[in-house]
C-alpha atoms as a PDB file:
ATOM      1  CA  MET A   1      33.656  20.653 102.101  1.00  0.00           C
ATOM      2  CA  SER A   2      33.262  18.801 105.753  1.00  0.00           C
ATOM      3  CA  GLU A   3      35.963  21.238 106.938  1.00  0.00           C
ATOM      4  CA  ASN A   4      34.244  24.147 105.928  1.00  0.00           C
ATOM      5  CA  PHE A   5      30.980  22.979 107.511  1.00  0.00           C
ATOM      6  CA  ALA A   6      33.122  22.307 110.616  1.00  0.00           C
ATOM      7  CA  ASP A   7      34.461  25.816 110.482  1.00  0.00           C
ATOM      8  CA  ALA A   8      31.307  27.827 109.666  1.00  0.00           C
ATOM      9  CA  ILE A   9      29.419  25.858 112.574  1.00  0.00           C
ATOM     10  CA  LEU A  10      32.325  26.771 115.181  1.00  0.00           C
ATOM     11  CA  ALA A  11      32.561  30.294 113.669  1.00  0.00           C
ATOM     12  CA  ASN A  12      28.450  31.387 113.926  1.00  0.00           C
ATOM     13  CA  CYS A  13      27.256  29.106 116.593  1.00  0.00           C
ATOM     14  CA  ALA A  14      27.069  31.855 119.106  1.00  0.00           C
ATOM     15  CA  ALA A  15      25.819  34.320 116.696  1.00  0.00           C
ATOM     16  CA  TRP A  16      23.302  32.167 115.606  1.00  0.00           C
ATOM     17  CA  ALA A  17      22.158  31.369 119.181  1.00  0.00           C
ATOM     18  CA  LYS A  18      22.220  35.170 119.827  1.00  0.00           C
ATOM     19  CA  SER A  19      20.463  36.042 117.160  1.00  0.00           C
ATOM     20  CA  ALA A  20      17.421  33.809 117.920  1.00  0.00           C
ATOM     21  CA  GLY A  21      17.623  34.265 121.599  1.00  0.00           C
ATOM     22  CA  LYS A  22      18.655  31.044 122.806  1.00  0.00           C
ATOM     23  CA  THR A  23      21.252  28.805 124.713  1.00  0.00           C
ATOM     24  CA  LYS A  24      20.867  25.500 123.001  1.00  0.00           C
ATOM     25  CA  LEU A  25      22.066  25.241 119.111  1.00  0.00           C
ATOM     26  CA  ASP A  26      20.835  22.276 116.816  1.00  0.00           C
ATOM     27  CA  PHE A  27      22.688  22.070 113.856  1.00  0.00           C
ATOM     28  CA  THR A  28      21.623  18.829 111.097  1.00  0.00           C
ATOM     29  CA  TYR A  29      23.228  18.353 108.373  1.00  0.00           C
ATOM     30  CA  GLY A  30      20.860  16.484 106.454  1.00  0.00           C
ATOM     31  CA  VAL A  31      21.627  13.777 103.664  1.00  0.00           C
ATOM     32  CA  LEU A  32      18.900  13.142 101.213  1.00  0.00           C
ATOM     33  CA  TYR A  33      19.057   9.160 100.731  1.00  0.00           C
ATOM     34  CA  GLY A  34      20.708   6.713 101.708  1.00  0.00           C
ATOM     35  CA  THR A  35      22.126   4.913 104.943  1.00  0.00           C
ATOM     36  CA  ARG A  36      24.756   5.266 107.789  1.00  0.00           C
ATOM     37  CA  LYS A  37      26.086   2.017 106.052  1.00  0.00           C
ATOM     38  CA  GLN A  38      25.990   3.051 102.656  1.00  0.00           C
ATOM     39  CA  SER A  39      27.306   6.359 103.506  1.00  0.00           C
ATOM     40  CA  ASN A  40      31.328   7.292 102.251  1.00  0.00           C
ATOM     41  CA  LYS A  41      31.386   8.886 105.746  1.00  0.00           C
ATOM     42  CA  LYS A  42      32.543  12.146 104.224  1.00  0.00           C
ATOM     43  CA  ASP A  43      29.026  13.539 105.848  1.00  0.00           C
ATOM     44  CA  TRP A  44      30.667  12.179 109.206  1.00  0.00           C
ATOM     45  CA  HIS A  45      33.868  14.211 109.106  1.00  0.00           C
ATOM     46  CA  ILE A  46      31.716  17.459 109.968  1.00  0.00           C
ATOM     47  CA  LEU A  47      31.748  16.064 112.991  1.00  0.00           C
ATOM     48  CA  ARG A  48      35.076  14.818 112.941  1.00  0.00           C
ATOM     49  CA  ASN A  49      36.682  18.260 112.253  1.00  0.00           C
ATOM     50  CA  ILE A  50      34.898  19.644 115.025  1.00  0.00           C
ATOM     51  CA  ALA A  51      36.117  17.397 117.299  1.00  0.00           C
ATOM     52  CA  GLN A  52      39.537  18.249 116.183  1.00  0.00           C
ATOM     53  CA  LYS A  53      39.353  21.790 116.570  1.00  0.00           C
ATOM     54  CA  LEU A  54      37.788  22.127 119.433  1.00  0.00           C
ATOM     55  CA  PRO A  55      38.769  19.112 121.789  1.00  0.00           C
ATOM     56  CA  SER A  56      38.501  21.345 124.938  1.00  0.00           C
ATOM     57  CA  GLY A  57      34.931  21.991 124.701  1.00  0.00           C
ATOM     58  CA  LEU A  58      33.558  18.741 123.505  1.00  0.00           C
ATOM     59  CA  LYS A  59      31.148  17.575 125.993  1.00  0.00           C
ATOM     60  CA  GLU A  60      29.891  14.077 123.436  1.00  0.00           C
ATOM     61  CA  SER A  61      32.322  13.064 120.782  1.00  0.00           C
ATOM     62  CA  PRO A  62      31.313  11.712 117.571  1.00  0.00           C
ATOM     63  CA  ASN A  63      33.341   8.723 118.005  1.00  0.00           C
ATOM     64  CA  GLY A  64      30.786   5.852 117.100  1.00  0.00           C
ATOM     65  CA  ARG A  65      28.124   8.342 116.760  1.00  0.00           C
ATOM     66  CA  TRP A  66      26.714  10.455 113.747  1.00  0.00           C
ATOM     67  CA  TYR A  67      26.505  13.737 116.558  1.00  0.00           C
ATOM     68  CA  CYS A  68      28.542  15.436 118.450  1.00  0.00           C
ATOM     69  CA  VAL A  69      27.671  18.075 121.488  1.00  0.00           C
ATOM     70  CA  PHE A  70      30.008  20.831 122.654  1.00  0.00           C
ATOM     71  CA  GLU A  71      30.111  24.549 124.309  1.00  0.00           C
ATOM     72  CA  LYS A  72      31.353  27.360 123.168  1.00  0.00           C
ATOM     73  CA  GLY A  73      31.005  31.373 124.766  1.00  0.00           C
ATOM     74  CA  GLY A  74      28.370  29.561 126.921  1.00  0.00           C
ATOM     75  CA  ILE A  75      26.509  27.919 124.048  1.00  0.00           C
ATOM     76  CA  SER A  76      25.106  24.313 124.347  1.00  0.00           C
ATOM     77  CA  VAL A  77      25.384  22.573 120.346  1.00  0.00           C
ATOM     78  CA  THR A  78      24.657  19.898 119.159  1.00  0.00           C
ATOM     79  CA  VAL A  79      25.479  18.481 115.603  1.00  0.00           C
ATOM     80  CA  THR A  80      24.069  15.922 113.780  1.00  0.00           C
ATOM     81  CA  VAL A  81      24.061  14.274 110.579  1.00  0.00           C
ATOM     82  CA  ARG A  82      21.003  12.555 109.299  1.00  0.00           C
ATOM     83  CA  ILE A  83      20.805  10.272 106.569  1.00  0.00           C
ATOM     84  CA  GLY A  84      17.930   9.641 104.306  1.00  0.00           C
ATOM     85  CA  ILE A  85      14.829   8.162 106.478  1.00  0.00           C
ATOM     86  CA  GLU A  86      16.169   9.931 109.442  1.00  0.00           C
ATOM     87  CA  TRP A  87      16.474  13.121 107.781  1.00  0.00           C
ATOM     88  CA  TRP A  88      13.089  12.860 106.239  1.00  0.00           C
ATOM     89  CA  ASN A  89      11.313  12.025 109.634  1.00  0.00           C
ATOM     90  CA  TYR A  90      13.307  14.774 111.461  1.00  0.00           C
ATOM     91  CA  VAL A  91      12.074  17.349 108.714  1.00  0.00           C
ATOM     92  CA  ALA A  92       8.451  16.173 108.963  1.00  0.00           C
ATOM     93  CA  GLY A  93       8.471  15.611 112.831  1.00  0.00           C
ATOM     94  CA  HIS A  94       7.040  11.885 112.572  1.00  0.00           C
ATOM     95  CA  ASP A  95       8.095   8.249 111.533  1.00  0.00           C
ATOM     96  CA  LEU A  96       6.051   8.244 108.400  1.00  0.00           C
ATOM     97  CA  ALA A  97       7.347  11.180 106.433  1.00  0.00           C
ATOM     98  CA  PHE A  98       9.708   8.818 104.052  1.00  0.00           C
ATOM     99  CA  ILE A  99       6.740   6.178 103.665  1.00  0.00           C
ATOM    100  CA  GLU A 100       4.230   9.458 102.682  1.00  0.00           C
ATOM    101  CA  ILE A 101       6.649  11.389 100.281  1.00  0.00           C
ATOM    102  CA  ALA A 102       7.341   7.822  98.526  1.00  0.00           C
ATOM    103  CA  THR A 103       3.624   7.029  98.118  1.00  0.00           C
ATOM    104  CA  SER A 104       3.176  10.486  97.121  1.00  0.00           C
ATOM    105  CA  LEU A 105       6.152  10.366  94.403  1.00  0.00           C
ATOM    106  CA  LEU A 106       4.854   7.371  93.120  1.00  0.00           C
ATOM    107  CA  ARG A 107       1.350   8.493  92.608  1.00  0.00           C
ATOM    108  CA  ALA A 108       2.000  11.526  91.093  1.00  0.00           C
ATOM    109  CA  CYS A 109       4.515  10.133  88.528  1.00  0.00           C
ATOM    110  CA  VAL A 110       3.942   6.316  87.730  1.00  0.00           C
ATOM    111  CA  LYS A 111       0.104   5.314  86.173  1.00  0.00           C
ATOM    112  CA  PRO A 112      -0.764   1.414  87.341  1.00  0.00           C
ATOM    113  CA  SER A 113      -1.095   1.179  83.663  1.00  0.00           C
ATOM    114  CA  GLU A 114       2.296   1.883  82.452  1.00  0.00           C
ATOM    115  CA  THR A 115       4.058  -0.916  84.492  1.00  0.00           C
ATOM    116  CA  GLU A 116       4.079  -4.219  83.279  1.00  0.00           C
ATOM    117  CA  SER A 117       5.578  -7.318  84.624  1.00  0.00           C
ATOM    118  CA  GLY A 118       8.033  -9.367  83.349  1.00  0.00           C
ATOM    119  CA  LYS A 119      11.132 -11.495  82.984  1.00  0.00           C
ATOM    120  CA  TYR A 120      13.714  -8.941  82.441  1.00  0.00           C
ATOM    121  CA  LYS A 121      17.591  -8.697  82.359  1.00  0.00           C
ATOM    122  CA  TYR A 122      18.561  -5.888  84.458  1.00  0.00           C
ATOM    123  CA  THR A 123      21.724  -3.873  84.875  1.00  0.00           C
ATOM    124  CA  ILE A 124      22.154  -3.652  88.321  1.00  0.00           C
ATOM    125  CA  SER A 125      22.371  -7.090  89.538  1.00  0.00           C
ATOM    126  CA  ASP A 126      19.871  -7.165  92.238  1.00  0.00           C
ATOM    127  CA  LEU A 127      17.482  -4.952  91.150  1.00  0.00           C
ATOM    128  CA  GLU A 128      15.148  -8.218  90.129  1.00  0.00           C
ATOM    129  CA  GLU A 129      15.274  -9.535  94.313  1.00  0.00           C
ATOM    130  CA  ILE A 130      14.811  -5.977  95.094  1.00  0.00           C
ATOM    131  CA  ILE A 131      11.454  -5.011  92.912  1.00  0.00           C
ATOM    132  CA  SER A 132      10.513  -8.806  93.437  1.00  0.00           C
ATOM    133  CA  LEU A 133       6.620  -8.926  94.358  1.00  0.00           C
ATOM    134  CA  ALA A 134       7.009 -12.683  95.089  1.00  0.00           C
ATOM    135  CA  GLY A 135       6.470 -12.039  98.891  1.00  0.00           C
ATOM    136  CA  VAL A 136       3.353 -10.176  98.230  1.00  0.00           C
ATOM    137  CA  PRO A 137       0.186 -11.869  97.963  1.00  0.00           C
ATOM    138  CA  GLU A 138      -1.799 -11.644  95.145  1.00  0.00           C
ATOM    139  CA  THR A 139      -4.757 -10.445  97.053  1.00  0.00           C
ATOM    140  CA  PHE A 140      -2.665  -7.410  98.872  1.00  0.00           C
ATOM    141  CA  ASN A 141      -4.018  -4.148  97.490  1.00  0.00           C
ATOM    142  CA  VAL A 142      -3.995  -0.822  99.345  1.00  0.00           C
ATOM    143  CA  LYS A 143      -6.033   1.737  98.308  1.00  0.00           C
ATOM    144  CA  ILE A 144      -3.227   4.371  97.796  1.00  0.00           C
ATOM    145  CA  LEU A 145      -1.323   2.183  95.734  1.00  0.00           C
ATOM    146  CA  GLN A 146      -1.834  -0.322  92.997  1.00  0.00           C
ATOM    147  CA  ARG A 147       0.005  -3.353  93.341  1.00  0.00           C
ATOM    148  CA  SER A 148       1.887  -2.545  90.026  1.00  0.00           C
ATOM    149  CA  GLN A 149       3.159   0.423  91.611  1.00  0.00           C
ATOM    150  CA  LEU A 150       4.824  -1.870  94.491  1.00  0.00           C
ATOM    151  CA  GLU A 151       7.776  -2.756  92.240  1.00  0.00           C
ATOM    152  CA  TRP A 152       8.609   1.227  92.194  1.00  0.00           C
ATOM    153  CA  LEU A 153       7.917   1.406  95.396  1.00  0.00           C
ATOM    154  CA  PHE A 154      10.437  -1.089  96.368  1.00  0.00           C
ATOM    155  CA  PHE A 155      13.107  -0.112  93.982  1.00  0.00           C
ATOM    156  CA  PHE A 156      12.720   3.853  95.381  1.00  0.00           C
ATOM    157  CA  ALA A 157      13.126   2.456  99.433  1.00  0.00           C
ATOM    158  CA  ARG A 158      16.259   0.607  98.874  1.00  0.00           C
ATOM    159  CA  HIS A 159      18.008   4.015  98.484  1.00  0.00           C
ATOM    160  CA  PHE A 160      16.835   4.684 101.728  1.00  0.00           C
ATOM    161  CA  CYS A 161      17.462   0.943 103.536  1.00  0.00           C
ATOM    162  CA  ASP A 162      20.107  -1.184 103.505  1.00  0.00           C
ATOM    163  CA  GLU A 163      17.901  -4.353 102.851  1.00  0.00           C
ATOM    164  CA  LEU A 164      14.486  -5.380 102.231  1.00  0.00           C
ATOM    165  CA  TYR A 165      13.147  -8.207 104.099  1.00  0.00           C
ATOM    166  CA  PRO A 166      10.008  -9.997 103.676  1.00  0.00           C
ATOM    167  CA  GLY A 167       7.228  -9.980 106.062  1.00  0.00           C
ATOM    168  CA  ASN A 168       4.166 -11.642 106.340  1.00  0.00           C
ATOM    169  CA  LEU A 169       1.377  -9.094 104.781  1.00  0.00           C
ATOM    170  CA  ALA A 170      -1.475 -10.835 105.729  1.00  0.00           C
ATOM    171  CA  ALA A 171      -0.829 -10.159 108.936  1.00  0.00           C
ATOM    172  CA  LEU A 172      -1.101  -6.918 108.351  1.00  0.00           C
ATOM    173  CA  GLN A 173      -4.540  -5.697 109.575  1.00  0.00           C
ATOM    174  CA  THR A 174      -7.056  -3.583 107.383  1.00  0.00           C
ATOM    175  CA  PRO A 175      -8.208  -0.585 109.255  1.00  0.00           C
ATOM    176  CA  LYS A 176     -12.166   0.044 109.527  1.00  0.00           C
END
C-alpha cells in the first residue's frame, strides 16, 4: 500500500499542481488515531518509498522525520504523514481540534447518568490506570463534561497519546 501511495504521488504531483495553478504542493497522509511512537511505521514507508524512487530530486530526506520534500517538473512537493492529534489539528487549522472532537463525541454518546464508578477487573491491563480519576479533585467539574464522563475522555484520549500524566488541575484558571 505504501508503495502505491508513493507511486501515485510521484506520477500525479505535477498534474495536481498544474490543475490548481500552483508551483508548490503539500500532500498529507492522515492517520485517524495513534502516535508516531505507537505507529507500526507502515505509513512512514510512503516517505521511504518516495526517497528510494526519487533520490536525485529529494531536497529533504525523511530520515528521522515524518515528511520529505522533493522537486519534480518544476514543482516543489512536501509529503507529510500526520498521526492522531497532529492530523485532527491540521485539518481544523488549530490546536484544540482534538479536544473539541473528543468532547463533542462524549457529550453525544455518554450520558453522565450511564457511567458508574467502581472496582472492576479489566481485560486491558493498564485500563484502570488510564481511566483513573485519582488525580482529579472532587471539586473539579467543568460545564462541558461532567465528572462521570472524564473516565471516557481519558480512555478516548489514550488512543492519541503515549502516556497520560497527572497534572495540577487546581492550578487551572476558571474563565470569568
